Amino acid sequence: SDEVSRGLRPGLTGRLIGLPGMETARARIAEWIAEA
C-alpha cells in the first residue's frame, strides 16, 4: 500500500496499466492454497 502511494501519480490505476492489483492477486493465491 505504501508503495502504491509513493510510486503512482494520482489517476494512474491498475486498469490503465491493464493488470489487477494486489488485492485481487492475494485472493487468487488464497484460492490456490485452499485447493492445495
Full PDB file with SEQRES, HELIX, SHEET, SSBOND, CRYST1, ORIGX, SCALE, CONECT and MASTER records, all heavy atoms in Angstrom:
SEQRES   1 A   36  SER ASP GLU VAL SER ARG GLY LEU ARG PRO GLY LEU THR          
SEQRES   2 A   36  GLY ARG LEU ILE GLY LEU PRO GLY MET GLU THR ALA ARG          
SEQRES   3 A   36  ALA ARG ILE ALA GLU TRP ILE ALA GLU ALA                      
HELIX    1 AA1 ASP A    2  GLY A    7  1                                   6    
HELIX    2 AA2 GLY A   14  ILE A   17  1                                   4    
HELIX    3 AA3 MET A   22  GLU A   35  1                                  14    
CRYST1    1.000    1.000    1.000  90.00  90.00  90.00 P 1           1          
ORIGX1      1.000000  0.000000  0.000000        0.00000                         
ORIGX2      0.000000  1.000000  0.000000        0.00000                         
ORIGX3      0.000000  0.000000  1.000000        0.00000                         
SCALE1      1.000000  0.000000  0.000000        0.00000                         
SCALE2      0.000000  1.000000  0.000000        0.00000                         
SCALE3      0.000000  0.000000  1.000000        0.00000                         
ATOM      1  N   SER A   1       0.824  -1.204   0.000  1.00  0.00           N  
ATOM      2  CA  SER A   1       0.000   0.000   0.000  1.00  0.00           C  
ATOM      3  C   SER A   1       0.858   1.253   0.000  1.00  0.00           C  
ATOM      4  O   SER A   1       0.584   2.221  -0.703  1.00  0.00           O  
ATOM      5  CB  SER A   1      -0.923   0.001   1.234  1.00  0.00           C  
ATOM      6  OG  SER A   1      -1.817  -1.087   1.176  1.00  0.00           O  
ATOM      7  N   ASP A   2       1.928   1.222   0.794  1.00  0.00           N  
ATOM      8  CA  ASP A   2       2.829   2.365   0.826  1.00  0.00           C  
ATOM      9  C   ASP A   2       3.491   2.574  -0.528  1.00  0.00           C  
ATOM     10  O   ASP A   2       3.685   3.687  -0.988  1.00  0.00           O  
ATOM     11  CB  ASP A   2       3.914   2.149   1.897  1.00  0.00           C  
ATOM     12  CG  ASP A   2       3.337   2.236   3.310  1.00  0.00           C  
ATOM     13  OD1 ASP A   2       2.177   2.681   3.438  1.00  0.00           O  
ATOM     14  OD2 ASP A   2       4.043   1.843   4.252  1.00  0.00           O  
ATOM     15  N   GLU A   3       3.837   1.451  -1.183  1.00  0.00           N  
ATOM     16  CA  GLU A   3       4.485   1.557  -2.488  1.00  0.00           C  
ATOM     17  C   GLU A   3       3.555   2.211  -3.497  1.00  0.00           C  
ATOM     18  O   GLU A   3       3.976   3.004  -4.341  1.00  0.00           O  
ATOM     19  CB  GLU A   3       4.897   0.164  -2.979  1.00  0.00           C  
ATOM     20  CG  GLU A   3       5.631   0.165  -4.296  1.00  0.00           C  
ATOM     21  CD  GLU A   3       6.945   0.905  -4.239  1.00  0.00           C  
ATOM     22  OE1 GLU A   3       7.577   0.913  -3.175  1.00  0.00           O  
ATOM     23  OE2 GLU A   3       7.329   1.494  -5.259  1.00  0.00           O  
ATOM     24  N   VAL A   4       2.275   1.856  -3.428  1.00  0.00           N  
ATOM     25  CA  VAL A   4       1.308   2.457  -4.339  1.00  0.00           C  
ATOM     26  C   VAL A   4       1.271   3.960  -4.144  1.00  0.00           C  
ATOM     27  O   VAL A   4       1.286   4.744  -5.088  1.00  0.00           O  
ATOM     28  CB  VAL A   4      -0.097   1.850  -4.124  1.00  0.00           C  
ATOM     29  CG1 VAL A   4      -1.132   2.642  -4.896  1.00  0.00           C  
ATOM     30  CG2 VAL A   4      -0.117   0.396  -4.570  1.00  0.00           C  
ATOM     31  N   SER A   5       1.226   4.402  -2.899  1.00  0.00           N  
ATOM     32  CA  SER A   5       1.122   5.835  -2.635  1.00  0.00           C  
ATOM     33  C   SER A   5       2.395   6.569  -3.026  1.00  0.00           C  
ATOM     34  O   SER A   5       2.357   7.722  -3.437  1.00  0.00           O  
ATOM     35  CB  SER A   5       0.811   6.065  -1.147  1.00  0.00           C  
ATOM     36  OG  SER A   5       1.880   5.610  -0.333  1.00  0.00           O  
ATOM     37  N   ARG A   6       3.551   5.875  -2.928  1.00  0.00           N  
ATOM     38  CA  ARG A   6       4.804   6.536  -3.280  1.00  0.00           C  
ATOM     39  C   ARG A   6       5.057   6.546  -4.777  1.00  0.00           C  
ATOM     40  O   ARG A   6       5.551   7.496  -5.344  1.00  0.00           O  
ATOM     41  CB  ARG A   6       5.994   5.817  -2.605  1.00  0.00           C  
ATOM     42  CG  ARG A   6       6.058   5.983  -1.113  1.00  0.00           C  
ATOM     43  CD  ARG A   6       7.445   5.563  -0.624  1.00  0.00           C  
ATOM     44  NE  ARG A   6       7.755   4.192  -0.996  1.00  0.00           N  
ATOM     45  CZ  ARG A   6       7.507   3.145  -0.231  1.00  0.00           C  
ATOM     46  NH1 ARG A   6       6.905   3.301   0.925  1.00  0.00           N  
ATOM     47  NH2 ARG A   6       7.845   1.934  -0.628  1.00  0.00           N  
ATOM     48  N   GLY A   7       4.709   5.431  -5.444  1.00  0.00           N  
ATOM     49  CA  GLY A   7       5.167   5.243  -6.806  1.00  0.00           C  
ATOM     50  C   GLY A   7       4.219   5.681  -7.897  1.00  0.00           C  
ATOM     51  O   GLY A   7       4.653   5.932  -9.016  1.00  0.00           O  
ATOM     52  N   LEU A   8       2.935   5.773  -7.631  1.00  0.00           N  
ATOM     53  CA  LEU A   8       1.994   6.090  -8.693  1.00  0.00           C  
ATOM     54  C   LEU A   8       1.520   7.523  -8.592  1.00  0.00           C  
ATOM     55  O   LEU A   8       1.178   8.003  -7.522  1.00  0.00           O  
ATOM     56  CB  LEU A   8       0.775   5.159  -8.616  1.00  0.00           C  
ATOM     57  CG  LEU A   8       1.012   3.689  -8.978  1.00  0.00           C  
ATOM     58  CD1 LEU A   8      -0.292   2.926  -8.836  1.00  0.00           C  
ATOM     59  CD2 LEU A   8       1.519   3.570 -10.388  1.00  0.00           C  
ATOM     60  N   ARG A   9       1.488   8.191  -9.724  1.00  0.00           N  
ATOM     61  CA  ARG A   9       0.942   9.535  -9.719  1.00  0.00           C  
ATOM     62  C   ARG A   9      -0.578   9.441  -9.597  1.00  0.00           C  
ATOM     63  O   ARG A   9      -1.176   8.426  -9.960  1.00  0.00           O  
ATOM     64  CB  ARG A   9       1.342  10.285 -10.987  1.00  0.00           C  
ATOM     65  CG  ARG A   9       0.709   9.762 -12.260  1.00  0.00           C  
ATOM     66  CD  ARG A   9       1.190  10.568 -13.446  1.00  0.00           C  
ATOM     67  NE  ARG A   9       0.605  10.127 -14.690  1.00  0.00           N  
ATOM     68  CZ  ARG A   9      -0.572  10.513 -15.147  1.00  0.00           C  
ATOM     69  NH1 ARG A   9      -1.321  11.346 -14.438  1.00  0.00           N  
ATOM     70  NH2 ARG A   9      -1.032  10.073 -16.294  1.00  0.00           N  
ATOM     71  N   PRO A  10      -1.263  10.466  -9.125  1.00  0.00           N  
ATOM     72  CA  PRO A  10      -2.714  10.433  -8.997  1.00  0.00           C  
ATOM     73  C   PRO A  10      -3.371  10.126 -10.332  1.00  0.00           C  
ATOM     74  O   PRO A  10      -3.017  10.676 -11.364  1.00  0.00           O  
ATOM     75  CB  PRO A  10      -3.052  11.846  -8.504  1.00  0.00           C  
ATOM     76  CG  PRO A  10      -1.804  12.320  -7.835  1.00  0.00           C  
ATOM     77  CD  PRO A  10      -0.678  11.717  -8.621  1.00  0.00           C  
ATOM     78  N   GLY A  11      -4.342   9.230 -10.309  1.00  0.00           N  
ATOM     79  CA  GLY A  11      -5.113   8.924 -11.500  1.00  0.00           C  
ATOM     80  C   GLY A  11      -4.636   7.705 -12.256  1.00  0.00           C  
ATOM     81  O   GLY A  11      -5.349   7.150 -13.070  1.00  0.00           O  
ATOM     82  N   LEU A  12      -3.388   7.231 -12.005  1.00  0.00           N  
ATOM     83  CA  LEU A  12      -2.909   6.031 -12.681  1.00  0.00           C  
ATOM     84  C   LEU A  12      -3.404   4.819 -11.917  1.00  0.00           C  
ATOM     85  O   LEU A  12      -3.049   4.614 -10.761  1.00  0.00           O  
ATOM     86  CB  LEU A  12      -1.383   6.018 -12.750  1.00  0.00           C  
ATOM     87  CG  LEU A  12      -0.778   4.820 -13.497  1.00  0.00           C  
ATOM     88  CD1 LEU A  12      -1.263   4.784 -14.931  1.00  0.00           C  
ATOM     89  CD2 LEU A  12       0.728   4.862 -13.451  1.00  0.00           C  
ATOM     90  N   THR A  13      -4.224   4.023 -12.538  1.00  0.00           N  
ATOM     91  CA  THR A  13      -4.830   2.875 -11.885  1.00  0.00           C  
ATOM     92  C   THR A  13      -4.396   1.598 -12.549  1.00  0.00           C  
ATOM     93  O   THR A  13      -3.815   1.591 -13.623  1.00  0.00           O  
ATOM     94  CB  THR A  13      -6.364   2.960 -11.963  1.00  0.00           C  
ATOM     95  OG1 THR A  13      -6.747   2.852 -13.342  1.00  0.00           O  
ATOM     96  CG2 THR A  13      -6.870   4.260 -11.385  1.00  0.00           C  
ATOM     97  N   GLY A  14      -4.697   0.465 -11.856  1.00  0.00           N  
ATOM     98  CA  GLY A  14      -4.391  -0.838 -12.425  1.00  0.00           C  
ATOM     99  C   GLY A  14      -5.083  -1.041 -13.755  1.00  0.00           C  
ATOM    100  O   GLY A  14      -4.569  -1.720 -14.639  1.00  0.00           O  
ATOM    101  N   ARG A  15      -6.272  -0.447 -13.944  1.00  0.00           N  
ATOM    102  CA  ARG A  15      -6.991  -0.616 -15.198  1.00  0.00           C  
ATOM    103  C   ARG A  15      -6.222   0.013 -16.349  1.00  0.00           C  
ATOM    104  O   ARG A  15      -6.156  -0.532 -17.451  1.00  0.00           O  
ATOM    105  CB  ARG A  15      -8.381   0.014 -15.101  1.00  0.00           C  
ATOM    106  CG  ARG A  15      -9.236  -0.239 -16.338  1.00  0.00           C  
ATOM    107  CD  ARG A  15     -10.562   0.456 -16.240  1.00  0.00           C  
ATOM    108  NE  ARG A  15     -10.425   1.903 -16.237  1.00  0.00           N  
ATOM    109  CZ  ARG A  15     -10.234   2.630 -17.341  1.00  0.00           C  
ATOM    110  NH1 ARG A  15     -10.133   2.042 -18.513  1.00  0.00           N  
ATOM    111  NH2 ARG A  15     -10.121   3.935 -17.273  1.00  0.00           N  
ATOM    112  N   LEU A  16      -5.614   1.192 -16.097  1.00  0.00           N  
ATOM    113  CA  LEU A  16      -4.847   1.840 -17.157  1.00  0.00           C  
ATOM    114  C   LEU A  16      -3.602   1.038 -17.504  1.00  0.00           C  
ATOM    115  O   LEU A  16      -3.174   1.008 -18.648  1.00  0.00           O  
ATOM    116  CB  LEU A  16      -4.459   3.257 -16.739  1.00  0.00           C  
ATOM    117  CG  LEU A  16      -5.625   4.260 -16.606  1.00  0.00           C  
ATOM    118  CD1 LEU A  16      -5.099   5.597 -16.115  1.00  0.00           C  
ATOM    119  CD2 LEU A  16      -6.342   4.428 -17.931  1.00  0.00           C  
ATOM    120  N   ILE A  17      -3.011   0.388 -16.513  1.00  0.00           N  
ATOM    121  CA  ILE A  17      -1.852  -0.452 -16.767  1.00  0.00           C  
ATOM    122  C   ILE A  17      -2.287  -1.767 -17.386  1.00  0.00           C  
ATOM    123  O   ILE A  17      -1.538  -2.417 -18.094  1.00  0.00           O  
ATOM    124  CB  ILE A  17      -1.066  -0.688 -15.450  1.00  0.00           C  
ATOM    125  CG1 ILE A  17      -0.443   0.633 -14.991  1.00  0.00           C  
ATOM    126  CG2 ILE A  17       0.007  -1.736 -15.616  1.00  0.00           C  
ATOM    127  CD1 ILE A  17       0.283   0.539 -13.696  1.00  0.00           C  
ATOM    128  N   GLY A  18      -3.523  -2.169 -17.144  1.00  0.00           N  
ATOM    129  CA  GLY A  18      -4.043  -3.394 -17.724  1.00  0.00           C  
ATOM    130  C   GLY A  18      -3.882  -4.620 -16.862  1.00  0.00           C  
ATOM    131  O   GLY A  18      -3.999  -5.742 -17.351  1.00  0.00           O  
ATOM    132  N   LEU A  19      -3.576  -4.434 -15.569  1.00  0.00           N  
ATOM    133  CA  LEU A  19      -3.380  -5.561 -14.667  1.00  0.00           C  
ATOM    134  C   LEU A  19      -4.227  -5.408 -13.409  1.00  0.00           C  
ATOM    135  O   LEU A  19      -4.526  -4.287 -12.986  1.00  0.00           O  
ATOM    136  CB  LEU A  19      -1.908  -5.654 -14.241  1.00  0.00           C  
ATOM    137  CG  LEU A  19      -0.873  -5.959 -15.310  1.00  0.00           C  
ATOM    138  CD1 LEU A  19       0.518  -5.962 -14.696  1.00  0.00           C  
ATOM    139  CD2 LEU A  19      -1.147  -7.294 -15.970  1.00  0.00           C  
ATOM    140  N   PRO A  20      -4.593  -6.517 -12.783  1.00  0.00           N  
ATOM    141  CA  PRO A  20      -5.246  -6.425 -11.473  1.00  0.00           C  
ATOM    142  C   PRO A  20      -4.264  -5.958 -10.418  1.00  0.00           C  
ATOM    143  O   PRO A  20      -3.038  -6.012 -10.614  1.00  0.00           O  
ATOM    144  CB  PRO A  20      -5.699  -7.873 -11.211  1.00  0.00           C  
ATOM    145  CG  PRO A  20      -4.745  -8.705 -11.993  1.00  0.00           C  
ATOM    146  CD  PRO A  20      -4.432  -7.907 -13.235  1.00  0.00           C  
ATOM    147  N   GLY A  21      -4.790  -5.496  -9.293  1.00  0.00           N  
ATOM    148  CA  GLY A  21      -3.948  -5.073  -8.184  1.00  0.00           C  
ATOM    149  C   GLY A  21      -3.654  -6.221  -7.237  1.00  0.00           C  
ATOM    150  O   GLY A  21      -4.067  -7.361  -7.440  1.00  0.00           O  
ATOM    151  N   MET A  22      -2.968  -5.895  -6.151  1.00  0.00           N  
ATOM    152  CA  MET A  22      -2.537  -6.929  -5.218  1.00  0.00           C  
ATOM    153  C   MET A  22      -3.705  -7.552  -4.460  1.00  0.00           C  
ATOM    154  O   MET A  22      -3.638  -8.718  -4.071  1.00  0.00           O  
ATOM    155  CB  MET A  22      -1.518  -6.350  -4.235  1.00  0.00           C  
ATOM    156  CG  MET A  22      -0.149  -6.146  -4.836  1.00  0.00           C  
ATOM    157  SD  MET A  22       0.548  -7.667  -5.553  1.00  0.00           S  
ATOM    158  CE  MET A  22       0.615  -8.704  -4.096  1.00  0.00           C  
ATOM    159  N   GLU A  23      -4.773  -6.797  -4.254  1.00  0.00           N  
ATOM    160  CA  GLU A  23      -5.915  -7.370  -3.553  1.00  0.00           C  
ATOM    161  C   GLU A  23      -6.489  -8.546  -4.338  1.00  0.00           C  
ATOM    162  O   GLU A  23      -6.792  -9.615  -3.785  1.00  0.00           O  
ATOM    163  CB  GLU A  23      -6.993  -6.306  -3.338  1.00  0.00           C  
ATOM    164  CG  GLU A  23      -8.187  -6.803  -2.534  1.00  0.00           C  
ATOM    165  CD  GLU A  23      -9.200  -5.703  -2.263  1.00  0.00           C  
ATOM    166  OE1 GLU A  23      -8.886  -4.523  -2.516  1.00  0.00           O  
ATOM    167  OE2 GLU A  23     -10.302  -6.034  -1.786  1.00  0.00           O  
ATOM    168  N   THR A  24      -6.631  -8.361  -5.640  1.00  0.00           N  
ATOM    169  CA  THR A  24      -7.113  -9.453  -6.499  1.00  0.00           C  
ATOM    170  C   THR A  24      -6.128 -10.610  -6.513  1.00  0.00           C  
ATOM    171  O   THR A  24      -6.516 -11.783  -6.453  1.00  0.00           O  
ATOM    172  CB  THR A  24      -7.330  -8.941  -7.931  1.00  0.00           C  
ATOM    173  OG1 THR A  24      -8.299  -7.901  -7.914  1.00  0.00           O  
ATOM    174  CG2 THR A  24      -7.808 -10.060  -8.845  1.00  0.00           C  
ATOM    175  N   ALA A  25      -4.837 -10.289  -6.582  1.00  0.00           N  
ATOM    176  CA  ALA A  25      -3.820 -11.341  -6.611  1.00  0.00           C  
ATOM    177  C   ALA A  25      -3.833 -12.153  -5.318  1.00  0.00           C  
ATOM    178  O   ALA A  25      -3.733 -13.386  -5.347  1.00  0.00           O  
ATOM    179  CB  ALA A  25      -2.440 -10.723  -6.838  1.00  0.00           C  
ATOM    180  N   ARG A  26      -3.936 -11.475  -4.185  1.00  0.00           N  
ATOM    181  CA  ARG A  26      -3.955 -12.179  -2.899  1.00  0.00           C  
ATOM    182  C   ARG A  26      -5.142 -13.124  -2.824  1.00  0.00           C  
ATOM    183  O   ARG A  26      -5.038 -14.257  -2.333  1.00  0.00           O  
ATOM    184  CB  ARG A  26      -4.005 -11.194  -1.740  1.00  0.00           C  
ATOM    185  CG  ARG A  26      -2.723 -10.389  -1.540  1.00  0.00           C  
ATOM    186  CD  ARG A  26      -2.801  -9.497  -0.314  1.00  0.00           C  
ATOM    187  NE  ARG A  26      -2.664 -10.272   0.906  1.00  0.00           N  
ATOM    188  CZ  ARG A  26      -3.669 -10.645   1.695  1.00  0.00           C  
ATOM    189  NH1 ARG A  26      -4.919 -10.351   1.362  1.00  0.00           N  
ATOM    190  NH2 ARG A  26      -3.440 -11.322   2.792  1.00  0.00           N  
ATOM    191  N   ALA A  27      -6.299 -12.667  -3.313  1.00  0.00           N  
ATOM    192  CA  ALA A  27      -7.498 -13.510  -3.275  1.00  0.00           C  
ATOM    193  C   ALA A  27      -7.316 -14.750  -4.150  1.00  0.00           C  
ATOM    194  O   ALA A  27      -7.699 -15.864  -3.756  1.00  0.00           O  
ATOM    195  CB  ALA A  27      -8.715 -12.709  -3.728  1.00  0.00           C  
ATOM    196  N   ARG A  28      -6.704 -14.563  -5.325  1.00  0.00           N  
ATOM    197  CA  ARG A  28      -6.496 -15.694  -6.224  1.00  0.00           C  
ATOM    198  C   ARG A  28      -5.522 -16.701  -5.598  1.00  0.00           C  
ATOM    199  O   ARG A  28      -5.738 -17.917  -5.665  1.00  0.00           O  
ATOM    200  CB  ARG A  28      -5.936 -15.187  -7.552  1.00  0.00           C  
ATOM    201  CG  ARG A  28      -5.700 -16.266  -8.594  1.00  0.00           C  
ATOM    202  CD  ARG A  28      -6.990 -16.717  -9.250  1.00  0.00           C  
ATOM    203  NE  ARG A  28      -7.658 -15.596  -9.861  1.00  0.00           N  
ATOM    204  CZ  ARG A  28      -7.374 -15.119 -11.071  1.00  0.00           C  
ATOM    205  NH1 ARG A  28      -6.416 -15.674 -11.785  1.00  0.00           N  
ATOM    206  NH2 ARG A  28      -8.060 -14.103 -11.559  1.00  0.00           N  
ATOM    207  N   ILE A  29      -4.438 -16.194  -5.018  1.00  0.00           N  
ATOM    208  CA  ILE A  29      -3.455 -17.085  -4.399  1.00  0.00           C  
ATOM    209  C   ILE A  29      -4.073 -17.833  -3.225  1.00  0.00           C  
ATOM    210  O   ILE A  29      -3.807 -19.023  -3.015  1.00  0.00           O  
ATOM    211  CB  ILE A  29      -2.218 -16.283  -3.959  1.00  0.00           C  
ATOM    212  CG1 ILE A  29      -1.507 -15.702  -5.191  1.00  0.00           C  
ATOM    213  CG2 ILE A  29      -1.255 -17.153  -3.166  1.00  0.00           C  
ATOM    214  CD1 ILE A  29      -0.450 -14.668  -4.861  1.00  0.00           C  
ATOM    215  N   ALA A  30      -4.914 -17.143  -2.463  1.00  0.00           N  
ATOM    216  CA  ALA A  30      -5.594 -17.800  -1.343  1.00  0.00           C  
ATOM    217  C   ALA A  30      -6.483 -18.945  -1.839  1.00  0.00           C  
ATOM    218  O   ALA A  30      -6.592 -19.998  -1.190  1.00  0.00           O  
ATOM    219  CB  ALA A  30      -6.421 -16.783  -0.563  1.00  0.00           C  
ATOM    220  N   GLU A  31      -7.111 -18.752  -2.993  1.00  0.00           N  
ATOM    221  CA  GLU A  31      -7.922 -19.820  -3.582  1.00  0.00           C  
ATOM    222  C   GLU A  31      -7.047 -21.015  -3.946  1.00  0.00           C  
ATOM    223  O   GLU A  31      -7.424 -22.166  -3.719  1.00  0.00           O  
ATOM    224  CB  GLU A  31      -8.649 -19.304  -4.823  1.00  0.00           C  
ATOM    225  CG  GLU A  31      -9.744 -18.291  -4.538  1.00  0.00           C  
ATOM    226  CD  GLU A  31     -10.349 -17.738  -5.814  1.00  0.00           C  
ATOM    227  OE1 GLU A  31      -9.922 -18.180  -6.919  1.00  0.00           O  
ATOM    228  OE2 GLU A  31     -11.236 -16.866  -5.729  1.00  0.00           O  
ATOM    229  N   TRP A  32      -5.890 -20.747  -4.527  1.00  0.00           N  
ATOM    230  CA  TRP A  32      -4.982 -21.843  -4.888  1.00  0.00           C  
ATOM    231  C   TRP A  32      -4.544 -22.609  -3.647  1.00  0.00           C  
ATOM    232  O   TRP A  32      -4.449 -23.834  -3.668  1.00  0.00           O  
ATOM    233  CB  TRP A  32      -3.758 -21.295  -5.610  1.00  0.00           C  
ATOM    234  CG  TRP A  32      -4.045 -20.717  -6.964  1.00  0.00           C  
ATOM    235  CD1 TRP A  32      -5.148 -20.947  -7.740  1.00  0.00           C  
ATOM    236  CD2 TRP A  32      -3.220 -19.810  -7.698  1.00  0.00           C  
ATOM    237  NE1 TRP A  32      -5.070 -20.245  -8.909  1.00  0.00           N  
ATOM    238  CE2 TRP A  32      -3.907 -19.538  -8.930  1.00  0.00           C  
ATOM    239  CE3 TRP A  32      -2.001 -19.215  -7.475  1.00  0.00           C  
ATOM    240  CZ2 TRP A  32      -3.364 -18.690  -9.884  1.00  0.00           C  
ATOM    241  CZ3 TRP A  32      -1.464 -18.370  -8.435  1.00  0.00           C  
ATOM    242  CH2 TRP A  32      -2.143 -18.112  -9.631  1.00  0.00           C  
ATOM    243  N   ILE A  33      -4.246 -21.875  -2.568  1.00  0.00           N  
ATOM    244  CA  ILE A  33      -3.810 -22.537  -1.340  1.00  0.00           C  
ATOM    245  C   ILE A  33      -4.932 -23.413  -0.787  1.00  0.00           C  
ATOM    246  O   ILE A  33      -4.699 -24.538  -0.317  1.00  0.00           O  
ATOM    247  CB  ILE A  33      -3.366 -21.496  -0.304  1.00  0.00           C  
ATOM    248  CG1 ILE A  33      -2.058 -20.814  -0.776  1.00  0.00           C  
ATOM    249  CG2 ILE A  33      -3.173 -22.131   1.067  1.00  0.00           C  
ATOM    250  CD1 ILE A  33      -1.596 -19.694   0.122  1.00  0.00           C  
ATOM    251  N   ALA A  34      -6.175 -22.919  -0.850  1.00  0.00           N  
ATOM    252  CA  ALA A  34      -7.312 -23.712  -0.382  1.00  0.00           C  
ATOM    253  C   ALA A  34      -7.472 -24.977  -1.222  1.00  0.00           C  
ATOM    254  O   ALA A  34      -7.750 -26.060  -0.702  1.00  0.00           O  
ATOM    255  CB  ALA A  34      -8.589 -22.877  -0.423  1.00  0.00           C  
ATOM    256  N   GLU A  35      -7.276 -24.848  -2.541  1.00  0.00           N  
ATOM    257  CA  GLU A  35      -7.373 -26.010  -3.417  1.00  0.00           C  
ATOM    258  C   GLU A  35      -6.252 -27.005  -3.149  1.00  0.00           C  
ATOM    259  O   GLU A  35      -6.425 -28.212  -3.320  1.00  0.00           O  
ATOM    260  CB  GLU A  35      -7.327 -25.566  -4.878  1.00  0.00           C  
ATOM    261  CG  GLU A  35      -8.546 -24.753  -5.317  1.00  0.00           C  
ATOM    262  CD  GLU A  35      -8.359 -24.167  -6.704  1.00  0.00           C  
ATOM    263  OE1 GLU A  35      -7.274 -24.384  -7.287  1.00  0.00           O  
ATOM    264  OE2 GLU A  35      -9.285 -23.494  -7.187  1.00  0.00           O  
ATOM    265  N   ALA A  36      -5.099 -26.470  -2.720  1.00  0.00           N  
ATOM    266  CA  ALA A  36      -3.953 -27.345  -2.461  1.00  0.00           C  
ATOM    267  C   ALA A  36      -4.211 -28.295  -1.302  1.00  0.00           C  
ATOM    268  O   ALA A  36      -3.537 -29.315  -1.161  1.00  0.00           O  
ATOM    269  CB  ALA A  36      -2.709 -26.510  -2.181  1.00  0.00           C  
TER     270      ALA A  36                                                      
MASTER        0    0    0    3    0    0    0    6  269    1    0    3          
END                                                                             
